[in-house]
Amino acid sequence: MEIAKTVVQLCQEKGIDARALTEGSGLDEHRIVAILAGRWTPSPAERDAIAAVLGVTRDDIVWGHVTPIQHIYGHGPG
């Protein structure tokens, strides 16, 4: 069983840049940049489109925000 990887890790391994991911997935470039930066968690359909470009399934990718909430909404929860 292989460990799931982030979109960024898979792009680096496969030599795919943001432009190629945008063109291949059909998603908006700003959305792709936000996903790569960890600021946007894609919908199931967006996950499928990105995974197809990367040659994996959406379950092979780790999805989710990596930007701490306190940096977006003031002082945050703590």
N, C-alpha and C. Protein backbone atom coordinates (compact mmCIF):
# COMPACT_ATOMS: atom_id res chain seq x y z
N MET A 1 0.84 -1.19 0.00
CA MET A 1 0.00 0.00 0.00
C MET A 1 0.89 1.25 0.00
N GLU A 2 0.63 2.11 -0.94
CA GLU A 2 1.42 3.33 -1.08
C GLU A 2 0.81 4.45 -0.22
N ILE A 3 1.66 5.28 0.35
CA ILE A 3 1.21 6.39 1.16
C ILE A 3 0.72 7.50 0.25
N ALA A 4 -0.42 8.11 0.61
CA ALA A 4 -0.98 9.20 -0.18
C ALA A 4 -0.03 10.40 -0.15
N LYS A 5 -0.02 11.15 -1.22
CA LYS A 5 0.85 12.32 -1.35
C LYS A 5 0.02 13.54 -1.67
N THR A 6 0.61 14.71 -1.47
CA THR A 6 -0.07 15.96 -1.81
C THR A 6 0.00 16.20 -3.32
N VAL A 7 -0.81 17.12 -3.79
CA VAL A 7 -0.78 17.49 -5.20
C VAL A 7 0.60 18.02 -5.56
N VAL A 8 1.17 18.83 -4.68
CA VAL A 8 2.50 19.40 -4.93
C VAL A 8 3.55 18.30 -5.07
N GLN A 9 3.53 17.32 -4.18
CA GLN A 9 4.49 16.21 -4.27
C GLN A 9 4.34 15.45 -5.58
N LEU A 10 3.11 15.16 -5.96
CA LEU A 10 2.87 14.42 -7.21
C LEU A 10 3.29 15.23 -8.43
N CYS A 11 3.02 16.53 -8.41
CA CYS A 11 3.44 17.40 -9.52
C CYS A 11 4.96 17.40 -9.65
N GLN A 12 5.65 17.49 -8.53
CA GLN A 12 7.11 17.49 -8.55
C GLN A 12 7.64 16.15 -9.09
N GLU A 13 7.08 15.06 -8.63
CA GLU A 13 7.51 13.73 -9.08
C GLU A 13 7.29 13.54 -10.58
N LYS A 14 6.18 14.06 -11.09
CA LYS A 14 5.81 13.83 -12.49
C LYS A 14 6.23 14.97 -13.42
N GLY A 15 6.84 16.02 -12.86
CA GLY A 15 7.29 17.13 -13.68
C GLY A 15 6.15 17.95 -14.28
N ILE A 16 5.07 18.07 -13.52
CA ILE A 16 3.90 18.81 -13.98
C ILE A 16 3.86 20.15 -13.25
N ASP A 17 3.78 21.25 -14.00
CA ASP A 17 3.70 22.56 -13.36
C ASP A 17 2.24 23.01 -13.28
N ALA A 18 2.02 24.17 -12.65
CA ALA A 18 0.66 24.68 -12.46
C ALA A 18 -0.06 24.90 -13.78
N ARG A 19 0.67 25.37 -14.79
CA ARG A 19 0.04 25.61 -16.10
C ARG A 19 -0.46 24.30 -16.71
N ALA A 20 0.36 23.26 -16.67
CA ALA A 20 -0.05 21.97 -17.22
C ALA A 20 -1.21 21.38 -16.43
N LEU A 21 -1.19 21.57 -15.12
CA LEU A 21 -2.28 21.07 -14.29
C LEU A 21 -3.57 21.83 -14.61
N THR A 22 -3.47 23.12 -14.83
CA THR A 22 -4.62 23.93 -15.20
C THR A 22 -5.20 23.49 -16.54
N GLU A 23 -4.33 23.37 -17.53
CA GLU A 23 -4.78 23.00 -18.87
C GLU A 23 -5.37 21.59 -18.89
N GLY A 24 -4.71 20.66 -18.21
CA GLY A 24 -5.17 19.28 -18.22
C GLY A 24 -6.46 19.05 -17.46
N SER A 25 -6.64 19.79 -16.37
CA SER A 25 -7.82 19.59 -15.52
C SER A 25 -9.02 20.41 -15.98
N GLY A 26 -8.77 21.50 -16.73
CA GLY A 26 -9.85 22.37 -17.14
C GLY A 26 -10.33 23.31 -16.04
N LEU A 27 -9.61 23.35 -14.92
CA LEU A 27 -9.98 24.23 -13.82
C LEU A 27 -9.35 25.61 -14.01
N ASP A 28 -9.88 26.58 -13.32
CA ASP A 28 -9.37 27.94 -13.36
C ASP A 28 -7.96 27.99 -12.76
N GLU A 29 -7.10 28.80 -13.38
CA GLU A 29 -5.71 28.89 -12.92
C GLU A 29 -5.62 29.36 -11.46
N HIS A 30 -6.46 30.31 -11.08
CA HIS A 30 -6.44 30.81 -9.70
C HIS A 30 -6.83 29.71 -8.72
N ARG A 31 -7.75 28.85 -9.12
CA ARG A 31 -8.16 27.74 -8.26
C ARG A 31 -7.01 26.75 -8.10
N ILE A 32 -6.32 26.44 -9.19
CA ILE A 32 -5.18 25.52 -9.13
C ILE A 32 -4.09 26.09 -8.22
N VAL A 33 -3.79 27.36 -8.35
CA VAL A 33 -2.76 27.99 -7.51
C VAL A 33 -3.17 27.91 -6.04
N ALA A 34 -4.45 28.15 -5.74
CA ALA A 34 -4.93 28.07 -4.36
C ALA A 34 -4.84 26.65 -3.83
N ILE A 35 -5.14 25.67 -4.66
CA ILE A 35 -5.05 24.26 -4.25
C ILE A 35 -3.59 23.90 -3.97
N LEU A 36 -2.69 24.31 -4.86
CA LEU A 36 -1.27 24.01 -4.67
C LEU A 36 -0.72 24.68 -3.42
N ALA A 37 -1.23 25.85 -3.08
CA ALA A 37 -0.77 26.59 -1.89
C ALA A 37 -1.45 26.10 -0.61
N GLY A 38 -2.43 25.20 -0.75
CA GLY A 38 -3.13 24.70 0.42
C GLY A 38 -4.17 25.65 0.96
N ARG A 39 -4.63 26.58 0.13
CA ARG A 39 -5.64 27.55 0.56
C ARG A 39 -7.05 27.15 0.12
N TRP A 40 -7.18 26.08 -0.63
CA TRP A 40 -8.49 25.67 -1.14
C TRP A 40 -8.56 24.15 -1.16
N THR A 41 -9.64 23.61 -0.62
CA THR A 41 -9.89 22.18 -0.70
C THR A 41 -10.85 21.95 -1.86
N PRO A 42 -10.42 21.24 -2.89
CA PRO A 42 -11.26 21.08 -4.08
C PRO A 42 -12.47 20.18 -3.86
N SER A 43 -13.49 20.40 -4.68
CA SER A 43 -14.69 19.58 -4.65
C SER A 43 -14.34 18.18 -5.19
N PRO A 44 -15.22 17.20 -5.00
CA PRO A 44 -14.95 15.87 -5.55
C PRO A 44 -14.69 15.87 -7.06
N ALA A 45 -15.46 16.67 -7.81
CA ALA A 45 -15.25 16.73 -9.27
C ALA A 45 -13.89 17.34 -9.59
N GLU A 46 -13.51 18.39 -8.85
CA GLU A 46 -12.20 19.01 -9.06
C GLU A 46 -11.09 18.03 -8.70
N ARG A 47 -11.30 17.27 -7.64
CA ARG A 47 -10.30 16.25 -7.24
C ARG A 47 -10.11 15.22 -8.34
N ASP A 48 -11.21 14.77 -8.92
CA ASP A 48 -11.12 13.79 -10.00
C ASP A 48 -10.37 14.35 -11.20
N ALA A 49 -10.63 15.61 -11.54
CA ALA A 49 -9.96 16.24 -12.69
C ALA A 49 -8.46 16.36 -12.45
N ILE A 50 -8.08 16.77 -11.25
CA ILE A 50 -6.65 16.90 -10.92
C ILE A 50 -5.98 15.53 -10.88
N ALA A 51 -6.63 14.57 -10.25
CA ALA A 51 -6.07 13.23 -10.16
C ALA A 51 -5.85 12.62 -11.54
N ALA A 52 -6.78 12.86 -12.46
CA ALA A 52 -6.64 12.31 -13.82
C ALA A 52 -5.38 12.84 -14.49
N VAL A 53 -5.11 14.13 -14.31
CA VAL A 53 -3.90 14.72 -14.90
C VAL A 53 -2.66 14.08 -14.30
N LEU A 54 -2.72 13.76 -13.01
CA LEU A 54 -1.57 13.20 -12.30
C LEU A 54 -1.46 11.68 -12.45
N GLY A 55 -2.47 11.07 -13.08
CA GLY A 55 -2.43 9.63 -13.32
C GLY A 55 -2.68 8.79 -12.08
N VAL A 56 -3.45 9.34 -11.14
CA VAL A 56 -3.79 8.62 -9.91
C VAL A 56 -5.29 8.79 -9.67
N THR A 57 -5.80 8.20 -8.58
CA THR A 57 -7.19 8.44 -8.20
C THR A 57 -7.21 9.50 -7.11
N ARG A 58 -8.38 10.08 -6.89
CA ARG A 58 -8.45 11.13 -5.86
C ARG A 58 -8.13 10.59 -4.48
N ASP A 59 -8.31 9.30 -4.26
CA ASP A 59 -7.99 8.70 -2.97
C ASP A 59 -6.48 8.54 -2.75
N ASP A 60 -5.71 8.68 -3.81
CA ASP A 60 -4.25 8.60 -3.70
C ASP A 60 -3.62 9.93 -3.31
N ILE A 61 -4.45 10.96 -3.17
CA ILE A 61 -3.95 12.31 -2.90
C ILE A 61 -4.44 12.77 -1.53
N VAL A 62 -3.55 13.44 -0.79
CA VAL A 62 -3.93 14.06 0.47
C VAL A 62 -4.47 15.44 0.15
N TRP A 63 -5.70 15.72 0.56
CA TRP A 63 -6.36 16.99 0.28
C TRP A 63 -6.56 17.76 1.56
N GLY A 64 -6.66 19.08 1.46
CA GLY A 64 -7.03 19.88 2.61
C GLY A 64 -6.21 21.14 2.75
N HIS A 65 -6.69 22.00 3.61
CA HIS A 65 -6.02 23.27 3.88
C HIS A 65 -4.75 23.04 4.67
N VAL A 66 -3.74 23.83 4.38
CA VAL A 66 -2.53 23.82 5.19
C VAL A 66 -2.26 25.20 5.78
N THR A 67 -3.03 26.19 5.37
CA THR A 67 -2.88 27.55 5.89
C THR A 67 -3.61 27.63 7.23
N PRO A 68 -2.92 27.98 8.31
CA PRO A 68 -3.59 28.06 9.61
C PRO A 68 -4.70 29.12 9.60
N ILE A 69 -5.79 28.81 10.22
CA ILE A 69 -6.94 29.70 10.25
C ILE A 69 -6.61 31.04 10.88
N GLN A 70 -5.79 31.07 11.91
CA GLN A 70 -5.50 32.33 12.59
C GLN A 70 -4.85 33.34 11.66
N HIS A 71 -4.24 32.91 10.57
CA HIS A 71 -3.63 33.84 9.63
C HIS A 71 -4.67 34.45 8.69
N ILE A 72 -5.83 33.88 8.66
CA ILE A 72 -6.88 34.37 7.77
C ILE A 72 -7.89 35.23 8.53
N TYR A 73 -8.23 34.83 9.73
CA TYR A 73 -9.30 35.48 10.49
C TYR A 73 -8.78 36.06 11.80
N GLY A 74 -7.87 36.98 11.74
CA GLY A 74 -7.39 37.65 12.95
C GLY A 74 -6.54 36.76 13.82
N HIS A 75 -6.88 36.68 15.09
CA HIS A 75 -6.04 35.97 16.06
C HIS A 75 -6.34 34.49 16.14
N GLY A 76 -7.41 34.04 15.57
CA GLY A 76 -7.72 32.62 15.54
C GLY A 76 -8.20 32.09 16.87
N PRO A 77 -8.23 30.76 16.95
CA PRO A 77 -8.84 30.12 18.12
C PRO A 77 -7.89 29.99 19.29
N GLY A 78 -6.98 30.68 19.55
CA GLY A 78 -6.14 30.33 20.67
C GLY A 78 -5.59 31.43 21.37
